[in-house]
Amino acid sequence: FGAFVISWVSTWMSLLMFLFLSFCQVFNDPIHGSVELPPLLVKIIDTPQFQRLRNIKQLGGNSYVYPGANHTRFEHSIGVAYLAGELVKALRERQPELKITERDVLCVQIAGLCHDLGHGPFSHLYDGMFIPQMQPDVKQKWKHETASVEMFDHMVKENKLDEEMKKDQEMLSKEPCLVELILLLLPALKWAFTGRGEDKSFLYDIVANKRNGIDVDKWDYFARDCHYLGMKNSFDYRRLILSARVCEWKGRNEICFRDKELFNLYDMFYTRFSLHRRAYQHKTGNIIERMITEAFVKANEYIQIKGSRGQTFNLLTAKDDMEAYTKLTDNVFEQILNDDNQNMREAKEILGKILKRNLYKCLGEFPSKRSEDEIKVSICSTINLIQTSKLDYGKKEKDPIEEVRFYRKSDPNKAITLTREEVSYLLPGNFEERLIRIYCKRTNDQTVENDRQYFKKFKSIHNEFSGPQVFLFTLLSYDPYFRHVQREKFPIHEKVIQAFTQKFKNKALVSFVIEPFVKLDQVCLVSVELSYRF
């Protein structure tokens, strides 16, 4: 009888899988392998509004620095939809009491698929550089997330997807689905959503988590960007999916992770920092984007894009009309380059310099807490461009792990936090760094060399810009005080502080960390990490 039941279950599972695959479409993705998406998502993909993402590079101007970085928002969006489905399905299987429905899974997947619909030419260049330069006095900064919601609404109406959604809605639930799909694109810290109870608030953290930064959007672009940049990615999102659970924390359901995944999460945040340091904030990639932005500003009023009701829009105003915005992609680069209009001459010259690798020169960089405006006051007027690059773990100067909830194997339903003392004394003392880069538009070698010499003198005079230097020491102490030290509560010995303060009495201590790694009978070897400015 047991064999019969097993055979019967196996037959039905095979039949269900056959039916599932009959309706789903399989995409062969270089990062995640075979990706299966339901019919409604495929219908969204097969629209002009979504296909537009094929012509928007994921890493903007960095494609001119890293030869392989030509991937687009199109494949990234498919990857996010897939990972969103994997995470929510894992939670549903692991915790049936959450009552995650098929409609919930579908909504989260569509939110992942459509979260980047609002990106403009060269991704963050458009909303991060071009628009602020065109509208410097506008307090309410325009963001691509806002355009994603508007483009989603436009896509649904233009392609009559609301009829398809109603069909799925009748099969899955009587509750409204369209409003939730749009709202899922705009997660918020405070509960402000309708159509779903607060007990499912964790669903809004899956695609874009503003609370602690752990979301499937990052999981995909970390893996995808590292792949195409030719960098190694030590972070493993699959382990997090396997350990994810929903627990209550201060009256709100949150996605928590097993305590042993702590360092995997630190790998995730370090991957973010590393990608910004090595790629996203690359000095050459950044200056190429500045040059593209200059060209866009000069060409703005001469670009004509047809929109709704026969109106025409330029590069700046196209974002206000989704029909026009659908036509605005990276292709505007070639449009400017090949335009015969004499008014485009300056813009064409700038883009031509990029293709000929005749780029603005980076004179150097240094850490600083000063603003660009403060630097401009004290720097030579012949230096034309100043740029601030902020590097952090995702929460500015704070440790992002402070906002993450964990659970222990002994009590998987209780959410907890982990303190620095429970983690390691070798964690960074500061999680944020800001760099000031100085660029020169002049490309003559002799002139640039003069500017470089000036920059060196400028940097040497302003010692406050010098960043913290880290040195490692090993101390050999015969002080009996060290004999009964607890690793979790290891205080800084007063004599050690006095010794180092005396040695570096003219320096400003930034951080001071002591880590015991060997304890003998009367001797304790101690590793000391000392950071100071000089």
Protein backbone atom coordinates (compact mmCIF):
# COMPACT_ATOMS: atom_id res chain seq x y z
CA PHE A 1 0.00 0.00 0.00
CA GLY A 2 2.87 2.37 0.87
CA ALA A 3 4.47 1.78 -2.53
CA PHE A 4 1.13 2.49 -4.21
CA VAL A 5 0.77 5.83 -2.36
CA ILE A 6 4.30 6.85 -3.28
CA SER A 7 3.67 5.94 -6.93
CA TRP A 8 0.36 7.84 -6.93
CA VAL A 9 1.92 10.97 -5.41
CA SER A 10 4.84 10.78 -7.84
CA THR A 11 2.45 10.53 -10.81
CA TRP A 12 0.43 13.54 -9.68
CA MET A 13 3.57 15.57 -8.99
CA SER A 14 4.82 14.80 -12.50
CA LEU A 15 1.46 15.83 -13.95
CA LEU A 16 1.41 19.08 -11.98
CA MET A 17 4.98 19.85 -13.04
CA PHE A 18 4.03 19.17 -16.68
CA LEU A 19 1.07 21.55 -16.42
CA PHE A 20 3.23 24.17 -14.70
CA LEU A 21 5.92 24.01 -17.38
CA SER A 22 3.25 24.12 -20.09
CA PHE A 23 2.15 27.56 -18.90
CA CYS A 24 5.52 28.94 -17.76
CA GLN A 25 8.27 30.21 -20.01
CA VAL A 26 11.87 29.28 -19.34
CA PHE A 27 14.64 31.89 -19.70
CA ASN A 28 18.27 30.81 -19.82
CA ASP A 29 20.05 33.25 -17.51
CA PRO A 30 23.88 33.31 -17.17
CA ILE A 31 23.62 33.96 -13.42
CA HIS A 32 20.69 31.87 -12.19
CA GLY A 33 20.47 29.20 -14.90
CA SER A 34 17.00 28.15 -16.08
CA VAL A 35 14.51 30.76 -14.86
CA GLU A 36 10.81 29.88 -15.06
CA LEU A 37 8.29 32.74 -15.04
CA PRO A 38 4.47 32.50 -15.09
CA PRO A 39 2.41 33.65 -18.11
CA LEU A 40 1.40 37.04 -16.69
CA LEU A 41 5.06 38.02 -16.19
CA VAL A 42 5.86 36.90 -19.73
CA LYS A 43 3.05 39.14 -21.05
CA ILE A 44 4.57 42.06 -19.12
CA ILE A 45 8.00 41.29 -20.58
CA ASP A 46 6.53 41.29 -24.09
CA THR A 47 5.55 44.97 -23.98
CA PRO A 48 7.36 48.00 -25.46
CA GLN A 49 7.65 49.53 -21.99
CA PHE A 50 9.56 46.55 -20.61
CA GLN A 51 11.54 45.82 -23.79
CA ARG A 52 12.83 49.40 -23.50
CA LEU A 53 15.09 48.16 -20.68
CA ARG A 54 17.15 46.23 -23.26
CA ASN A 55 18.60 49.61 -24.28
CA ILE A 56 19.51 50.89 -20.81
CA LYS A 57 22.89 49.72 -19.53
CA GLN A 58 22.96 48.52 -15.95
CA LEU A 59 26.25 50.25 -15.10
CA GLY A 60 25.92 53.36 -17.22
CA GLY A 61 29.26 54.89 -18.21
CA ASN A 62 31.25 52.05 -16.67
CA SER A 63 30.64 50.08 -19.86
CA TYR A 64 33.38 52.32 -21.35
CA VAL A 65 35.79 51.18 -18.62
CA TYR A 66 35.01 47.48 -18.19
CA PRO A 67 34.66 45.77 -21.60
CA GLY A 68 32.25 43.14 -20.26
CA ALA A 69 29.92 45.52 -18.42
CA ASN A 70 27.37 45.80 -21.22
CA HIS A 71 24.51 44.04 -19.44
CA THR A 72 21.22 45.89 -19.18
CA ARG A 73 18.29 46.55 -16.86
CA PHE A 74 16.32 43.99 -18.89
CA GLU A 75 18.10 40.85 -17.68
CA HIS A 76 18.57 42.30 -14.19
CA SER A 77 14.81 42.78 -13.85
CA ILE A 78 14.14 39.19 -14.88
CA GLY A 79 16.70 38.04 -12.32
CA VAL A 80 15.05 40.07 -9.54
CA ALA A 81 11.63 38.63 -10.41
CA TYR A 82 13.09 35.12 -10.21
CA LEU A 83 14.82 35.69 -6.84
CA ALA A 84 11.71 37.38 -5.42
CA GLY A 85 9.73 34.27 -6.29
CA GLU A 86 12.38 31.95 -4.84
CA LEU A 87 12.44 33.79 -1.50
CA VAL A 88 8.69 34.12 -1.03
CA LYS A 89 8.12 30.48 -2.04
CA ALA A 90 10.78 29.34 0.45
CA LEU A 91 9.02 31.28 3.23
CA ARG A 92 5.65 29.80 2.24
CA GLU A 93 7.00 26.25 2.30
CA ARG A 94 8.89 26.74 5.57
CA GLN A 95 6.09 28.55 7.41
CA PRO A 96 2.58 27.57 6.23
CA GLU A 97 1.13 29.58 9.13
CA LEU A 98 2.06 32.78 7.25
CA LYS A 99 -0.74 31.95 4.78
CA ILE A 100 1.20 33.20 1.77
CA THR A 101 -1.09 32.79 -1.23
CA GLU A 102 -0.39 32.30 -4.93
CA ARG A 103 -1.56 35.88 -5.39
CA ASP A 104 1.09 37.05 -2.91
CA VAL A 105 3.78 35.19 -4.85
CA LEU A 106 2.57 36.66 -8.14
CA CYS A 107 2.45 40.21 -6.76
CA VAL A 108 5.97 40.02 -5.35
CA GLN A 109 7.33 38.58 -8.61
CA ILE A 110 5.71 41.33 -10.69
CA ALA A 111 7.05 43.95 -8.29
CA GLY A 112 10.55 42.52 -8.79
CA LEU A 113 10.10 42.44 -12.55
CA CYS A 114 8.90 46.05 -12.78
CA HIS A 115 10.95 47.79 -10.08
CA ASP A 116 13.36 49.39 -12.60
CA LEU A 117 10.88 50.42 -15.32
CA GLY A 118 11.53 54.08 -14.53
CA HIS A 119 15.28 54.21 -15.19
CA GLY A 120 16.44 56.76 -17.75
CA PRO A 121 19.42 56.76 -20.15
CA PHE A 122 22.54 55.20 -18.63
CA SER A 123 20.59 54.25 -15.47
CA HIS A 124 21.57 56.39 -12.46
CA LEU A 125 23.27 59.00 -14.67
CA TYR A 126 19.86 60.36 -15.66
CA ASP A 127 18.30 60.86 -12.22
CA GLY A 128 21.55 61.17 -10.27
CA MET A 129 23.51 63.62 -12.45
CA PHE A 130 21.58 65.00 -15.42
CA ILE A 131 18.34 66.06 -13.71
CA PRO A 132 20.07 67.64 -10.64
CA GLN A 133 22.27 69.65 -13.01
CA MET A 134 19.26 70.80 -15.03
CA GLN A 135 17.16 71.54 -11.93
CA PRO A 136 19.62 72.50 -9.16
CA ASP A 137 17.07 74.54 -7.20
CA VAL A 138 14.30 71.93 -7.08
CA LYS A 139 14.01 70.66 -3.50
CA GLN A 140 11.90 67.59 -4.28
CA LYS A 141 14.41 65.51 -6.23
CA TRP A 142 12.98 63.35 -9.01
CA LYS A 143 13.70 59.64 -8.57
CA HIS A 144 13.42 56.76 -10.99
CA GLU A 145 11.27 54.85 -8.46
CA THR A 146 8.50 57.39 -9.03
CA ALA A 147 8.75 56.88 -12.78
CA SER A 148 8.62 53.09 -12.26
CA VAL A 149 5.13 53.38 -10.79
CA GLU A 150 4.00 55.77 -13.54
CA MET A 151 5.48 53.56 -16.27
CA PHE A 152 3.85 50.48 -14.73
CA ASP A 153 0.45 52.17 -14.79
CA HIS A 154 1.05 53.34 -18.38
CA MET A 155 2.14 49.83 -19.43
CA VAL A 156 -0.97 48.22 -17.92
CA LYS A 157 -3.31 50.63 -19.72
CA GLU A 158 -1.51 50.63 -23.08
CA ASN A 159 -1.34 46.83 -23.29
CA LYS A 160 -4.68 46.10 -21.57
CA LEU A 161 -2.90 44.04 -18.96
CA ASP A 162 -5.61 44.85 -16.45
CA GLU A 163 -7.84 42.35 -18.26
CA GLU A 164 -5.18 39.66 -17.91
CA MET A 165 -4.74 40.54 -14.25
CA LYS A 166 -8.47 40.23 -13.67
CA LYS A 167 -8.34 36.69 -15.06
CA ASP A 168 -5.55 35.77 -12.64
CA GLN A 169 -7.40 37.62 -9.91
CA GLU A 170 -10.55 35.52 -10.44
CA MET A 171 -8.49 32.34 -10.23
CA LEU A 172 -6.47 33.35 -7.20
CA SER A 173 -8.48 35.77 -5.09
CA LYS A 174 -11.39 38.17 -4.94
CA GLU A 175 -9.21 40.90 -3.43
CA PRO A 176 -7.75 43.74 -5.53
CA CYS A 177 -4.36 42.94 -7.03
CA LEU A 178 -3.43 45.84 -9.32
CA VAL A 179 -3.14 48.45 -6.55
CA GLU A 180 -0.92 46.12 -4.54
CA LEU A 181 1.35 45.52 -7.49
CA ILE A 182 1.98 49.24 -7.80
CA LEU A 183 2.38 49.80 -4.07
CA LEU A 184 4.90 46.97 -3.83
CA LEU A 185 7.17 49.16 -5.95
CA LEU A 186 7.31 51.78 -3.20
CA PRO A 187 8.23 50.07 0.11
CA ALA A 188 8.15 52.25 3.20
CA LEU A 189 9.17 51.98 6.82
CA LYS A 190 5.74 52.94 8.11
CA TRP A 191 2.78 50.76 7.27
CA ALA A 192 0.72 52.78 4.80
CA PHE A 193 -0.69 50.15 2.45
CA THR A 194 -4.23 49.04 1.74
CA GLY A 195 -5.51 45.70 0.51
CA ARG A 196 -3.29 43.54 2.70
CA GLY A 197 -2.94 43.13 6.45
CA GLU A 198 0.11 44.21 8.40
CA ASP A 199 0.79 40.57 9.21
CA LYS A 200 2.21 40.32 5.67
CA SER A 201 4.29 43.47 5.89
CA PHE A 202 7.44 41.41 5.30
CA LEU A 203 6.41 40.99 1.64
CA TYR A 204 7.20 44.66 1.07
CA ASP A 205 10.83 44.11 2.14
CA ILE A 206 11.59 41.42 -0.43
CA VAL A 207 12.23 43.55 -3.54
CA ALA A 208 13.56 46.77 -1.98
CA ASN A 209 14.32 46.84 1.74
CA LYS A 210 14.87 50.41 2.95
CA ARG A 211 15.18 49.27 6.57
CA ASN A 212 18.37 47.20 6.38
CA GLY A 213 19.20 46.87 2.69
CA ILE A 214 18.83 43.08 2.47
CA ASP A 215 16.70 42.49 -0.64
CA VAL A 216 16.65 40.45 -3.83
CA ASP A 217 17.41 43.51 -5.97
CA LYS A 218 20.90 43.67 -4.44
CA TRP A 219 21.32 39.89 -4.53
CA ASP A 220 20.88 39.90 -8.28
CA TYR A 221 22.97 42.94 -9.17
CA PHE A 222 25.81 41.88 -6.85
CA ALA A 223 26.05 38.52 -8.63
CA ARG A 224 25.36 39.91 -12.11
CA ASP A 225 27.64 42.95 -11.89
CA CYS A 226 30.52 40.90 -10.45
CA HIS A 227 30.10 38.39 -13.28
CA TYR A 228 30.25 40.99 -16.05
CA LEU A 229 32.90 43.11 -14.34
CA GLY A 230 35.16 40.08 -13.97
CA MET A 231 35.21 40.29 -10.15
CA LYS A 232 34.74 37.58 -7.56
CA ASN A 233 31.61 37.58 -5.43
CA SER A 234 32.06 35.93 -2.02
CA PHE A 235 28.45 36.52 -0.99
CA ASP A 236 26.08 33.54 -1.28
CA TYR A 237 22.41 34.55 -1.42
CA ARG A 238 21.28 30.91 -1.57
CA ARG A 239 22.33 30.34 2.04
CA LEU A 240 20.22 33.30 3.13
CA ILE A 241 17.17 31.95 1.30
CA LEU A 242 17.64 28.61 3.07
CA SER A 243 17.81 30.24 6.51
CA ALA A 244 15.19 32.98 6.06
CA ARG A 245 12.26 32.97 8.50
CA VAL A 246 9.57 35.47 9.42
CA CYS A 247 9.50 36.45 13.10
CA GLU A 248 7.72 39.18 14.99
CA TRP A 249 9.80 42.16 16.06
CA LYS A 250 8.18 45.04 17.92
CA GLY A 251 4.74 44.22 16.58
CA ARG A 252 5.79 43.83 12.95
CA ASN A 253 6.64 40.69 11.01
CA GLU A 254 10.17 40.85 9.62
CA ILE A 255 12.35 38.49 7.62
CA CYS A 256 15.06 37.17 9.95
CA PHE A 257 18.12 35.00 9.35
CA ARG A 258 19.92 32.32 11.30
CA ASP A 259 22.59 33.78 13.62
CA LYS A 260 25.35 31.75 11.93
CA GLU A 261 24.70 33.66 8.67
CA LEU A 262 26.04 36.84 10.26
CA PHE A 263 29.37 36.85 8.41
CA ASN A 264 27.65 35.92 5.15
CA LEU A 265 25.68 39.15 5.58
CA TYR A 266 28.86 41.09 6.31
CA ASP A 267 30.19 39.62 3.05
CA MET A 268 27.09 41.02 1.34
CA PHE A 269 27.61 44.53 2.72
CA TYR A 270 31.34 44.38 2.00
CA THR A 271 30.53 43.31 -1.58
CA ARG A 272 28.45 46.47 -1.88
CA PHE A 273 31.32 48.59 -0.58
CA SER A 274 33.82 46.83 -2.85
CA LEU A 275 31.69 47.26 -5.97
CA HIS A 276 31.30 50.96 -5.24
CA ARG A 277 35.04 51.36 -4.59
CA ARG A 278 36.22 49.39 -7.61
CA ALA A 279 33.46 49.91 -10.17
CA TYR A 280 30.47 52.14 -9.43
CA GLN A 281 32.71 54.98 -8.18
CA HIS A 282 35.59 54.23 -10.57
CA LYS A 283 37.44 57.47 -11.30
CA THR A 284 37.39 56.97 -15.06
CA GLY A 285 33.82 55.67 -15.19
CA ASN A 286 32.64 58.63 -13.13
CA ILE A 287 34.33 61.20 -15.35
CA ILE A 288 32.90 59.56 -18.48
CA GLU A 289 29.45 59.91 -16.93
CA ARG A 290 30.20 63.56 -16.13
CA MET A 291 31.14 64.11 -19.78
CA ILE A 292 27.98 62.36 -21.01
CA THR A 293 25.96 64.52 -18.62
CA GLU A 294 27.59 67.69 -20.01
CA ALA A 295 26.71 66.57 -23.53
CA PHE A 296 23.11 65.86 -22.52
CA VAL A 297 22.79 69.30 -20.90
CA LYS A 298 24.06 71.04 -24.04
CA ALA A 299 21.83 68.94 -26.32
CA ASN A 300 18.72 68.98 -24.13
CA GLU A 301 16.62 71.64 -25.86
CA TYR A 302 17.47 70.32 -29.33
CA ILE A 303 16.30 66.75 -28.68
CA GLN A 304 12.69 66.30 -29.79
CA ILE A 305 10.74 63.28 -28.54
CA LYS A 306 7.11 62.73 -29.55
CA GLY A 307 4.77 61.96 -26.70
CA SER A 308 1.06 61.75 -25.98
CA ARG A 309 -1.49 63.98 -27.72
CA GLY A 310 1.06 65.00 -30.37
CA GLN A 311 3.23 66.92 -27.90
CA THR A 312 7.03 67.04 -28.14
CA PHE A 313 9.41 66.75 -25.21
CA ASN A 314 13.14 67.17 -24.63
CA LEU A 315 15.57 65.11 -22.54
CA LEU A 316 14.43 66.74 -19.31
CA THR A 317 10.67 66.91 -19.82
CA ALA A 318 10.27 63.43 -21.36
CA LYS A 319 10.09 61.99 -17.83
CA ASP A 320 6.76 63.79 -17.37
CA ASP A 321 5.08 61.89 -20.21
CA MET A 322 5.35 58.10 -20.20
CA GLU A 323 4.71 57.76 -23.93
CA ALA A 324 7.71 60.00 -24.62
CA TYR A 325 9.75 58.44 -21.80
CA THR A 326 9.27 54.99 -23.35
CA LYS A 327 11.32 56.23 -26.31
CA LEU A 328 14.14 57.67 -24.17
CA THR A 329 17.03 55.19 -23.81
CA ASP A 330 20.83 55.01 -24.12
CA ASN A 331 20.31 55.42 -27.88
CA VAL A 332 20.21 59.19 -27.33
CA PHE A 333 24.04 58.98 -27.19
CA GLU A 334 24.18 57.90 -30.86
CA GLN A 335 21.36 60.28 -31.74
CA ILE A 336 23.44 63.25 -30.57
CA LEU A 337 26.62 61.89 -32.11
CA ASN A 338 25.04 61.48 -35.56
CA ASP A 339 22.93 64.65 -35.59
CA ASP A 340 23.78 67.24 -38.27
CA ASN A 341 22.25 70.13 -36.34
CA GLN A 342 24.93 72.79 -35.74
CA ASN A 343 23.42 73.47 -32.34
CA MET A 344 24.59 70.00 -31.33
CA ARG A 345 28.24 70.73 -32.17
CA GLU A 346 29.49 71.14 -28.58
CA ALA A 347 27.61 68.06 -27.36
CA LYS A 348 28.98 66.01 -30.27
CA GLU A 349 32.54 67.13 -29.51
CA ILE A 350 32.25 65.95 -25.90
CA LEU A 351 30.89 62.53 -26.89
CA GLY A 352 33.54 62.29 -29.61
CA LYS A 353 36.22 62.76 -26.96
CA ILE A 354 34.83 59.77 -25.07
CA LEU A 355 35.05 57.55 -28.14
CA LYS A 356 38.62 58.74 -28.82
CA ARG A 357 39.53 58.28 -25.14
CA ASN A 358 40.44 61.94 -24.85
CA LEU A 359 39.01 62.16 -21.34
CA TYR A 360 39.21 64.76 -18.59
CA LYS A 361 42.12 63.93 -16.28
CA CYS A 362 41.86 62.89 -12.64
CA LEU A 363 44.52 64.79 -10.68
CA GLY A 364 43.99 62.79 -7.50
CA GLU A 365 41.70 62.06 -4.59
CA PHE A 366 41.69 62.26 -0.80
CA PRO A 367 39.31 61.45 2.07
CA SER A 368 37.48 64.47 3.43
CA LYS A 369 34.45 65.46 5.45
CA ARG A 370 34.24 68.80 3.67
CA SER A 371 31.65 69.55 1.02
CA GLU A 372 32.42 70.25 -2.63
CA ASP A 373 31.56 73.92 -2.11
CA GLU A 374 34.09 74.23 0.74
CA ILE A 375 36.80 72.66 -1.42
CA LYS A 376 35.99 74.99 -4.34
CA VAL A 377 36.68 78.05 -2.17
CA SER A 378 40.25 77.00 -1.41
CA ILE A 379 41.28 75.33 -4.66
CA CYS A 380 42.80 76.75 -7.83
CA SER A 381 40.21 78.06 -10.29
CA THR A 382 41.96 76.37 -13.21
CA ILE A 383 40.81 72.99 -11.90
CA ASN A 384 37.39 72.53 -13.41
CA LEU A 385 35.64 69.58 -11.79
CA ILE A 386 35.24 68.42 -8.20
CA GLN A 387 33.40 65.24 -7.32
CA THR A 388 32.39 63.70 -4.00
CA SER A 389 32.18 59.90 -3.76
CA LYS A 390 30.54 58.34 -0.73
CA LEU A 391 31.47 54.77 0.14
CA ASP A 392 29.68 52.85 2.87
CA TYR A 393 28.04 49.56 3.83
CA GLY A 394 24.57 50.83 2.96
CA LYS A 395 23.62 52.73 6.16
CA LYS A 396 26.08 55.63 5.95
CA GLU A 397 28.30 55.66 9.06
CA LYS A 398 26.24 53.02 10.88
CA ASP A 399 26.78 49.28 11.05
CA PRO A 400 23.97 47.86 8.85
CA ILE A 401 23.81 44.68 10.95
CA GLU A 402 22.25 46.75 13.74
CA GLU A 403 19.04 46.81 11.68
CA VAL A 404 19.05 43.05 10.93
CA ARG A 405 17.09 40.54 13.02
CA PHE A 406 18.33 37.02 13.63
CA TYR A 407 17.08 33.86 15.31
CA ARG A 408 18.85 31.01 17.06
CA LYS A 409 18.48 27.31 16.34
CA SER A 410 17.19 26.76 19.88
CA ASP A 411 14.31 29.25 19.39
CA PRO A 412 13.58 29.82 15.67
CA ASN A 413 10.45 31.91 16.32
CA LYS A 414 12.14 34.57 18.45
CA ALA A 415 13.77 37.53 16.68
CA ILE A 416 17.00 38.82 18.23
CA THR A 417 19.73 41.35 17.50
CA LEU A 418 23.46 40.70 17.68
CA THR A 419 25.82 43.21 19.30
CA ARG A 420 29.36 44.04 18.21
CA GLU A 421 30.71 42.24 21.29
CA GLU A 422 29.02 39.03 20.13
CA VAL A 423 30.45 39.37 16.64
CA SER A 424 34.12 40.39 16.58
CA TYR A 425 36.43 43.09 17.85
CA LEU A 426 37.97 43.31 14.39
CA LEU A 427 34.94 44.95 12.78
CA PRO A 428 35.49 48.39 11.23
CA GLY A 429 35.16 51.31 13.60
CA ASN A 430 33.64 53.42 10.84
CA PHE A 431 31.42 52.20 8.01
CA GLU A 432 31.53 55.29 5.81
CA GLU A 433 34.21 57.01 3.76
CA ARG A 434 33.92 60.08 1.57
CA LEU A 435 36.40 60.84 -1.17
CA ILE A 436 37.00 64.15 -2.92
CA ARG A 437 38.24 63.77 -6.49
CA ILE A 438 39.71 66.62 -8.50
CA TYR A 439 39.47 66.53 -12.30
CA CYS A 440 40.91 68.81 -14.96
CA LYS A 441 39.26 69.37 -18.35
CA ARG A 442 42.55 70.32 -19.97
CA THR A 443 44.19 67.39 -21.72
CA ASN A 444 47.53 68.90 -22.78
CA ASP A 445 50.23 66.80 -21.05
CA GLN A 446 52.34 69.77 -19.94
CA THR A 447 49.34 71.69 -18.60
CA VAL A 448 47.99 68.64 -16.78
CA GLU A 449 51.39 68.01 -15.19
CA ASN A 450 51.39 71.55 -13.80
CA ASP A 451 47.92 70.96 -12.36
CA ARG A 452 49.10 67.69 -10.79
CA GLN A 453 51.99 69.47 -9.07
CA TYR A 454 49.58 72.06 -7.74
CA PHE A 455 47.26 69.30 -6.47
CA LYS A 456 50.13 67.62 -4.58
CA LYS A 457 51.02 70.88 -2.84
CA PHE A 458 47.37 71.54 -2.05
CA LYS A 459 46.93 68.08 -0.54
CA SER A 460 50.14 68.29 1.53
CA ILE A 461 49.11 71.64 3.02
CA HIS A 462 45.62 70.49 4.02
CA ASN A 463 46.62 67.71 6.41
CA GLU A 464 43.07 67.35 7.69
CA PHE A 465 42.24 65.61 4.44
CA SER A 466 44.63 62.74 5.14
CA GLY A 467 42.68 59.59 5.88
CA PRO A 468 43.14 57.16 8.76
CA GLN A 469 46.15 54.90 8.41
CA VAL A 470 45.86 51.43 9.91
CA PHE A 471 48.80 49.59 11.46
CA LEU A 472 48.86 46.21 13.19
CA PHE A 473 51.06 45.58 16.22
CA THR A 474 51.67 42.54 18.41
CA LEU A 475 52.15 43.30 22.08
CA LEU A 476 53.86 40.95 24.52
CA SER A 477 52.53 41.64 28.00
CA TYR A 478 53.64 40.10 31.29
CA ASP A 479 50.95 41.93 33.18
CA PRO A 480 48.92 39.38 35.22
CA TYR A 481 45.91 41.54 34.37
CA PHE A 482 45.68 39.76 31.02
CA ARG A 483 45.51 36.27 32.53
CA HIS A 484 41.74 36.09 33.02
CA VAL A 485 40.49 38.11 30.09
CA GLN A 486 37.10 37.29 28.60
CA ARG A 487 37.10 37.56 24.81
CA GLU A 488 33.58 39.00 24.77
CA LYS A 489 34.44 41.75 27.27
CA PHE A 490 37.98 42.74 26.54
CA PRO A 491 38.72 46.26 27.83
CA ILE A 492 41.49 48.50 26.55
CA HIS A 493 44.28 48.39 29.09
CA GLU A 494 45.07 51.86 30.45
CA LYS A 495 48.85 51.33 30.30
CA VAL A 496 48.60 50.31 26.65
CA ILE A 497 46.63 53.45 25.81
CA GLN A 498 49.18 55.62 27.64
CA ALA A 499 52.07 53.94 25.82
CA PHE A 500 50.57 54.48 22.38
CA THR A 501 49.33 57.97 23.19
CA GLN A 502 52.86 58.91 24.25
CA LYS A 503 54.33 57.38 21.11
CA PHE A 504 51.84 59.14 18.84
CA LYS A 505 51.13 62.15 21.02
CA ASN A 506 50.89 64.54 18.09
CA LYS A 507 48.43 62.36 16.21
CA ALA A 508 44.65 62.16 16.39
CA LEU A 509 43.51 58.69 17.33
CA VAL A 510 40.67 57.44 15.17
CA SER A 511 40.08 53.96 16.54
CA PHE A 512 41.79 51.61 18.92
CA VAL A 513 40.99 47.90 18.86
CA ILE A 514 42.61 45.11 20.87
CA GLU A 515 42.03 41.48 20.00
CA PRO A 516 43.49 38.64 22.12
CA PHE A 517 44.48 35.64 20.08
CA VAL A 518 46.86 33.67 22.35
CA LYS A 519 46.72 33.29 26.13
CA LEU A 520 49.56 31.62 28.00
CA ASP A 521 50.13 31.08 31.71
CA GLN A 522 51.80 34.43 32.43
CA VAL A 523 51.86 35.92 28.95
CA CYS A 524 49.20 37.18 26.59
CA LEU A 525 49.92 37.98 22.96
CA VAL A 526 47.60 40.72 21.79
CA SER A 527 46.88 41.95 18.28
CA VAL A 528 46.30 45.69 18.27
CA GLU A 529 44.75 47.61 15.41
CA LEU A 530 45.61 51.28 15.70
CA SER A 531 44.21 53.88 13.34
CA TYR A 532 45.45 57.44 13.39
CA ARG A 533 45.76 60.45 11.13
CA PHE A 534 49.11 61.91 10.17
